[in-house]
N, C-alpha and C. Protein backbone atom coordinates (compact mmCIF):
# COMPACT_ATOMS: atom_id res chain seq x y z
N MET A 1 1.10 -0.91 0.02
CA MET A 1 0.17 -0.09 -0.07
C MET A 1 1.11 1.13 -0.08
N LYS A 2 0.59 1.97 -0.85
CA LYS A 2 1.44 3.34 -0.91
C LYS A 2 0.71 4.58 -1.19
N ILE A 3 0.42 5.43 -0.07
CA ILE A 3 -1.17 6.43 -0.18
C ILE A 3 -0.37 7.77 -0.39
N TYR A 4 -0.70 8.38 -1.23
CA TYR A 4 -0.66 10.12 -1.58
C TYR A 4 -1.14 10.74 -1.02
N ILE A 5 -0.67 11.87 0.28
CA ILE A 5 -1.85 12.88 0.83
C ILE A 5 -2.15 14.17 -0.37
N SER A 6 -3.44 14.06 -0.65
CA SER A 6 -3.72 15.56 -1.71
C SER A 6 -4.72 16.21 -0.90
N GLY A 7 -4.59 17.47 -1.08
CA GLY A 7 -5.22 18.76 -0.24
C GLY A 7 -5.23 19.97 -0.42
N PRO A 8 -5.73 20.75 0.22
CA PRO A 8 -5.53 22.33 -0.70
C PRO A 8 -4.28 22.94 0.25
N ILE A 9 -3.56 23.44 -0.47
CA ILE A 9 -2.33 23.97 -0.01
C ILE A 9 -2.02 25.53 -0.28
N THR A 10 -2.56 26.02 -1.76
CA THR A 10 -2.51 27.31 -2.17
C THR A 10 -3.58 28.15 -1.64
N ILE A 11 -4.90 27.40 -1.40
CA ILE A 11 -5.81 27.85 -0.47
C ILE A 11 -5.93 28.35 0.99
N ASP A 12 -4.81 27.19 1.48
CA ASP A 12 -4.81 27.51 2.96
C ASP A 12 -3.59 27.68 3.29
N PRO A 13 -2.89 28.80 2.99
CA PRO A 13 -1.46 29.07 2.97
C PRO A 13 -0.91 29.11 4.84
N GLU A 14 -1.83 29.20 5.62
CA GLU A 14 -1.58 29.56 6.81
C GLU A 14 -1.63 27.87 7.58
N HIS A 15 -2.35 27.35 7.48
CA HIS A 15 -2.46 25.97 8.00
C HIS A 15 -2.06 24.62 7.12
N TRP A 16 -1.87 24.58 5.73
CA TRP A 16 -1.78 23.31 5.09
C TRP A 16 -0.48 22.61 5.62
N ARG A 17 0.44 23.18 6.21
CA ARG A 17 1.55 22.09 6.72
C ARG A 17 1.18 21.45 7.82
N GLU A 18 0.55 22.24 8.76
CA GLU A 18 -0.11 21.12 10.14
C GLU A 18 -1.07 20.51 9.69
N HIS A 19 -2.06 20.71 8.61
CA HIS A 19 -3.05 19.93 8.09
C HIS A 19 -2.01 18.22 7.63
N PHE A 20 -1.29 18.49 6.76
CA PHE A 20 -0.72 17.52 5.89
C PHE A 20 0.15 16.79 6.79
N ALA A 21 0.92 17.23 7.86
CA ALA A 21 1.52 16.64 9.02
C ALA A 21 0.38 15.93 9.87
N ASP A 22 -0.47 16.61 10.44
CA ASP A 22 -1.31 15.69 11.31
C ASP A 22 -2.09 14.30 10.34
N ALA A 23 -2.41 14.34 9.17
CA ALA A 23 -2.59 13.50 8.24
C ALA A 23 -1.47 12.36 7.97
N GLU A 24 -0.54 12.90 7.80
CA GLU A 24 0.51 11.68 7.49
C GLU A 24 0.83 11.09 8.89
N GLU A 25 0.38 11.74 10.25
CA GLU A 25 0.58 10.94 11.67
C GLU A 25 -0.67 9.89 11.69
N VAL A 26 -1.78 10.47 11.33
CA VAL A 26 -3.00 9.67 11.42
C VAL A 26 -2.76 8.47 10.20
N LEU A 27 -2.49 8.22 9.39
CA LEU A 27 -2.08 7.55 8.42
C LEU A 27 -1.21 6.36 8.62
N ARG A 28 -0.05 7.08 9.18
CA ARG A 28 1.43 5.88 9.94
C ARG A 28 0.41 5.18 10.90
N PHE A 29 -0.50 5.74 11.75
CA PHE A 29 -0.76 4.90 12.78
C PHE A 29 -2.13 3.73 12.31
N LYS A 30 -2.88 4.24 11.53
CA LYS A 30 -3.93 3.62 10.87
C LYS A 30 -3.33 2.53 9.84
N TYR A 31 -2.33 3.17 9.15
CA TYR A 31 -1.94 1.63 8.16
C TYR A 31 -0.23 1.86 8.27
N PRO A 32 0.28 1.04 9.30
CA PRO A 32 1.61 1.33 9.63
C PRO A 32 2.49 0.54 8.67
N GLU A 33 1.62 -0.25 7.65
CA GLU A 33 2.78 -1.11 6.71
C GLU A 33 2.93 -0.18 5.58
N ALA A 34 2.21 1.02 5.22
CA ALA A 34 1.91 1.85 4.19
C ALA A 34 3.17 2.44 3.98
N GLU A 35 3.51 3.13 2.66
CA GLU A 35 4.54 4.01 2.60
C GLU A 35 3.52 4.91 2.15
N ILE A 36 3.98 6.37 3.14
CA ILE A 36 3.10 7.73 2.65
C ILE A 36 3.90 8.48 2.10
N ILE A 37 2.98 9.02 0.94
CA ILE A 37 3.87 10.26 0.30
C ILE A 37 2.86 11.84 0.76
N ASN A 38 4.16 12.24 1.17
CA ASN A 38 3.44 13.63 1.75
C ASN A 38 4.20 14.57 0.93
N PRO A 39 3.44 15.56 0.15
CA PRO A 39 3.85 16.74 -0.58
C PRO A 39 4.95 17.43 0.42
N LEU A 40 4.22 17.77 1.71
CA LEU A 40 5.14 18.42 2.46
C LEU A 40 6.48 17.95 2.72
N THR A 41 6.82 16.74 2.52
CA THR A 41 8.08 16.45 2.57
C THR A 41 8.92 16.28 1.56
N LEU A 42 8.14 16.68 0.04
CA LEU A 42 8.86 16.47 -1.21
C LEU A 42 9.87 17.95 -1.06
N GLU A 43 9.39 18.78 -0.38
CA GLU A 43 10.19 20.38 -0.46
C GLU A 43 11.46 19.99 -0.16
N ASP A 44 12.19 19.10 0.76
CA ASP A 44 13.72 18.62 0.90
C ASP A 44 14.26 18.28 -0.48
N ASP A 45 13.58 18.03 -1.36
CA ASP A 45 14.05 17.46 -2.53
C ASP A 45 15.15 18.39 -3.55
N PRO A 46 16.28 18.06 -3.56
CA PRO A 46 17.41 19.05 -4.19
C PRO A 46 16.50 19.33 -5.57
N ASP A 47 15.69 18.70 -6.26
CA ASP A 47 15.13 19.38 -7.83
C ASP A 47 14.20 20.36 -6.96
N TYR A 48 13.41 20.10 -6.14
CA TYR A 48 12.64 21.14 -5.75
C TYR A 48 13.26 22.72 -5.43
N ILE A 49 14.12 22.37 -4.96
CA ILE A 49 14.88 23.66 -4.13
C ILE A 49 15.47 24.28 -5.57
N GLU A 50 15.96 23.43 -6.29
CA GLU A 50 16.74 23.80 -7.52
C GLU A 50 15.55 24.58 -8.63
N ALA A 51 14.63 24.12 -8.48
CA ALA A 51 13.35 24.82 -9.37
C ALA A 51 13.15 26.03 -8.90
N GLN A 52 12.96 26.16 -7.22
CA GLN A 52 12.91 27.15 -6.49
C GLN A 52 13.70 28.36 -7.01
N GLU A 53 14.82 27.99 -7.25
CA GLU A 53 15.69 29.16 -7.66
C GLU A 53 15.37 29.83 -9.03
N HIS A 54 14.94 28.95 -9.83
CA HIS A 54 14.63 29.24 -11.58
C HIS A 54 13.70 29.46 -11.97
N LEU A 55 12.50 29.30 -11.01
CA LEU A 55 11.33 29.59 -11.38
C LEU A 55 10.47 30.20 -10.37
N GLU A 56 9.50 30.69 -10.80
CA GLU A 56 8.42 31.44 -10.25
C GLU A 56 7.00 31.47 -10.22
N GLY A 57 6.06 31.60 -9.64
CA GLY A 57 4.68 31.91 -10.12
C GLY A 57 4.14 30.50 -10.59
N GLU A 58 3.25 30.84 -11.80
CA GLU A 58 2.69 29.53 -12.88
C GLU A 58 3.87 28.53 -12.89
N GLU A 59 5.11 28.95 -13.49
CA GLU A 59 5.86 27.96 -13.69
C GLU A 59 6.27 27.32 -12.77
N LEU A 60 6.41 27.79 -11.33
CA LEU A 60 6.71 27.13 -10.52
C LEU A 60 5.89 26.05 -9.80
N TYR A 61 4.42 26.42 -9.98
CA TYR A 61 3.21 25.75 -9.71
C TYR A 61 3.19 24.62 -10.62
N ASN A 62 3.55 24.95 -11.96
CA ASN A 62 3.24 23.88 -12.87
C ASN A 62 4.41 22.79 -13.10
N TRP A 63 5.61 23.13 -12.27
CA TRP A 63 6.49 22.21 -12.39
C TRP A 63 6.20 21.26 -11.22
N VAL A 64 5.75 21.91 -9.66
CA VAL A 64 5.49 21.17 -8.34
C VAL A 64 4.28 20.26 -9.04
N MET A 65 3.37 20.70 -9.94
CA MET A 65 2.05 19.62 -10.05
C MET A 65 2.82 18.70 -11.33
N LYS A 66 3.41 18.98 -11.97
CA LYS A 66 4.23 17.51 -12.67
C LYS A 66 4.84 16.52 -11.52
N ARG A 67 5.64 17.22 -11.01
CA ARG A 67 5.96 16.31 -9.91
C ARG A 67 5.17 15.67 -9.25
N ASP A 68 4.06 16.16 -8.50
CA ASP A 68 3.15 15.52 -7.84
C ASP A 68 2.55 14.48 -8.30
N ILE A 69 2.10 15.19 -9.63
CA ILE A 69 1.22 13.67 -10.83
C ILE A 69 2.39 12.46 -10.93
N ARG A 70 3.54 12.72 -11.01
CA ARG A 70 4.47 11.31 -11.05
C ARG A 70 4.24 10.38 -9.72
N TYR A 71 4.61 11.18 -8.81
CA TYR A 71 4.18 10.60 -7.25
C TYR A 71 2.94 9.86 -7.24
N VAL A 72 2.06 10.41 -7.60
CA VAL A 72 0.63 9.78 -7.66
C VAL A 72 0.15 8.32 -8.51
N THR A 73 0.85 8.61 -9.75
CA THR A 73 0.80 7.56 -10.34
C THR A 73 1.48 6.28 -9.94
N GLU A 74 2.72 6.56 -8.98
CA GLU A 74 3.35 5.58 -8.31
C GLU A 74 2.39 4.98 -6.86
N CYS A 75 1.27 5.53 -6.61
CA CYS A 75 0.66 5.17 -5.61
C CYS A 75 -0.74 4.09 -5.59
N THR A 76 -1.16 3.56 -4.63
CA THR A 76 -2.00 2.67 -4.75
C THR A 76 -3.20 3.38 -3.91
N HIS A 77 -3.31 4.39 -3.35
CA HIS A 77 -4.63 5.15 -2.75
C HIS A 77 -4.07 6.78 -2.79
N ILE A 78 -5.17 7.49 -2.61
CA ILE A 78 -5.01 8.80 -2.54
C ILE A 78 -5.81 8.98 -0.94
N TYR A 79 -5.32 10.00 -0.33
CA TYR A 79 -5.70 10.53 0.75
C TYR A 79 -6.23 11.72 0.62
N ALA A 80 -7.71 12.04 0.46
CA ALA A 80 -8.09 13.56 0.18
C ALA A 80 -8.41 14.19 1.49
N LEU A 81 -7.85 15.12 1.79
CA LEU A 81 -8.06 16.01 2.81
C LEU A 81 -9.01 16.87 2.81
N LYS A 82 -9.78 17.24 4.08
CA LYS A 82 -11.11 17.93 3.80
C LYS A 82 -10.78 19.30 3.14
N GLY A 83 -11.42 20.00 2.28
CA GLY A 83 -11.21 21.08 1.32
C GLY A 83 -10.88 20.58 -0.09
N TRP A 84 -10.61 19.32 -0.15
CA TRP A 84 -9.74 18.99 -1.40
C TRP A 84 -10.38 19.61 -2.69
N GLU A 85 -11.97 19.40 -2.89
CA GLU A 85 -12.67 19.81 -3.86
C GLU A 85 -12.37 21.34 -4.17
N ALA A 86 -12.05 22.27 -3.28
CA ALA A 86 -11.59 23.74 -3.70
C ALA A 86 -10.29 24.03 -4.14
N SER A 87 -9.47 22.74 -4.40
CA SER A 87 -8.37 22.92 -4.74
C SER A 87 -8.16 22.65 -6.19
N LYS A 88 -7.52 23.16 -7.22
CA LYS A 88 -7.22 22.87 -8.45
C LYS A 88 -6.23 21.70 -8.57
N GLY A 89 -5.32 21.95 -7.68
CA GLY A 89 -4.16 20.84 -7.58
C GLY A 89 -4.36 19.56 -6.64
N ALA A 90 -5.43 19.45 -6.24
CA ALA A 90 -5.80 18.39 -5.29
C ALA A 90 -6.97 17.78 -6.12
N ARG A 91 -7.61 18.65 -6.89
CA ARG A 91 -8.74 18.17 -7.72
C ARG A 91 -8.15 17.21 -8.97
N LEU A 92 -7.07 17.76 -9.62
CA LEU A 92 -6.43 17.33 -10.74
C LEU A 92 -5.64 16.10 -10.44
N GLU A 93 -4.99 16.14 -8.71
CA GLU A 93 -4.18 14.75 -8.37
C GLU A 93 -5.09 13.59 -8.17
N VAL A 94 -6.73 13.94 -7.74
CA VAL A 94 -7.66 12.92 -7.33
C VAL A 94 -8.14 12.22 -8.53
N PHE A 95 -8.50 13.19 -9.55
CA PHE A 95 -8.77 12.90 -11.10
C PHE A 95 -7.84 11.86 -11.69
N VAL A 96 -6.60 12.29 -11.68
CA VAL A 96 -5.88 11.23 -12.16
C VAL A 96 -5.21 10.05 -11.60
N GLY A 97 -5.63 9.77 -10.06
CA GLY A 97 -5.49 9.03 -9.42
C GLY A 97 -6.68 7.93 -9.87
N THR A 98 -7.98 8.40 -9.62
CA THR A 98 -9.07 7.75 -9.86
C THR A 98 -9.11 7.31 -11.30
N SER A 99 -8.55 7.98 -12.28
CA SER A 99 -8.56 7.58 -13.78
C SER A 99 -7.76 6.25 -13.71
N LEU A 100 -6.47 6.24 -13.05
CA LEU A 100 -5.61 5.01 -13.18
C LEU A 100 -6.35 4.07 -11.99
N GLY A 101 -7.52 4.21 -11.37
CA GLY A 101 -7.70 2.95 -10.71
C GLY A 101 -7.19 2.95 -9.14
N LEU A 102 -6.70 4.32 -8.82
CA LEU A 102 -6.37 4.32 -7.11
C LEU A 102 -7.69 4.63 -6.21
N LYS A 103 -7.28 3.60 -5.12
CA LYS A 103 -8.48 3.77 -4.22
C LYS A 103 -8.67 5.26 -3.67
N VAL A 104 -9.61 5.96 -3.57
CA VAL A 104 -9.29 7.34 -2.74
C VAL A 104 -10.13 7.13 -1.30
N LEU A 105 -8.94 7.53 -0.48
CA LEU A 105 -9.71 7.51 1.18
C LEU A 105 -9.82 9.16 1.50
N PHE A 106 -11.09 9.37 2.15
CA PHE A 106 -11.37 10.67 2.33
C PHE A 106 -11.31 10.79 4.12
N GLU A 107 -10.35 12.16 4.04
CA GLU A 107 -10.67 12.36 5.68
C GLU A 107 -11.97 12.65 6.23
N ILE A 108 -12.15 12.34 7.29
CA ILE A 108 -13.37 12.57 8.15
C ILE A 108 -13.40 13.61 8.70
């Protein structure tokens, strides 16, 4: 089992880090055998750090979404956080995931 956490980031700038970290903790408790992909932790990736140095605005957003979609395609499940429907990026991640047959788990 490999779970990608999807949820609102750009529309929740003050709380998204905490929300994603809490979700990862919940998933690790509920599915201890699962590999959890948290976009929050992908910020430490050297490619992301380099992209931030050279891209901004919509170009950086598009780069991040392409990276995140690659991660979605490697998972078996998506964990959709509350408010995902209001997020353009999360809607895209869930659409791609469900189109590829991933199971969607919804935060309650």
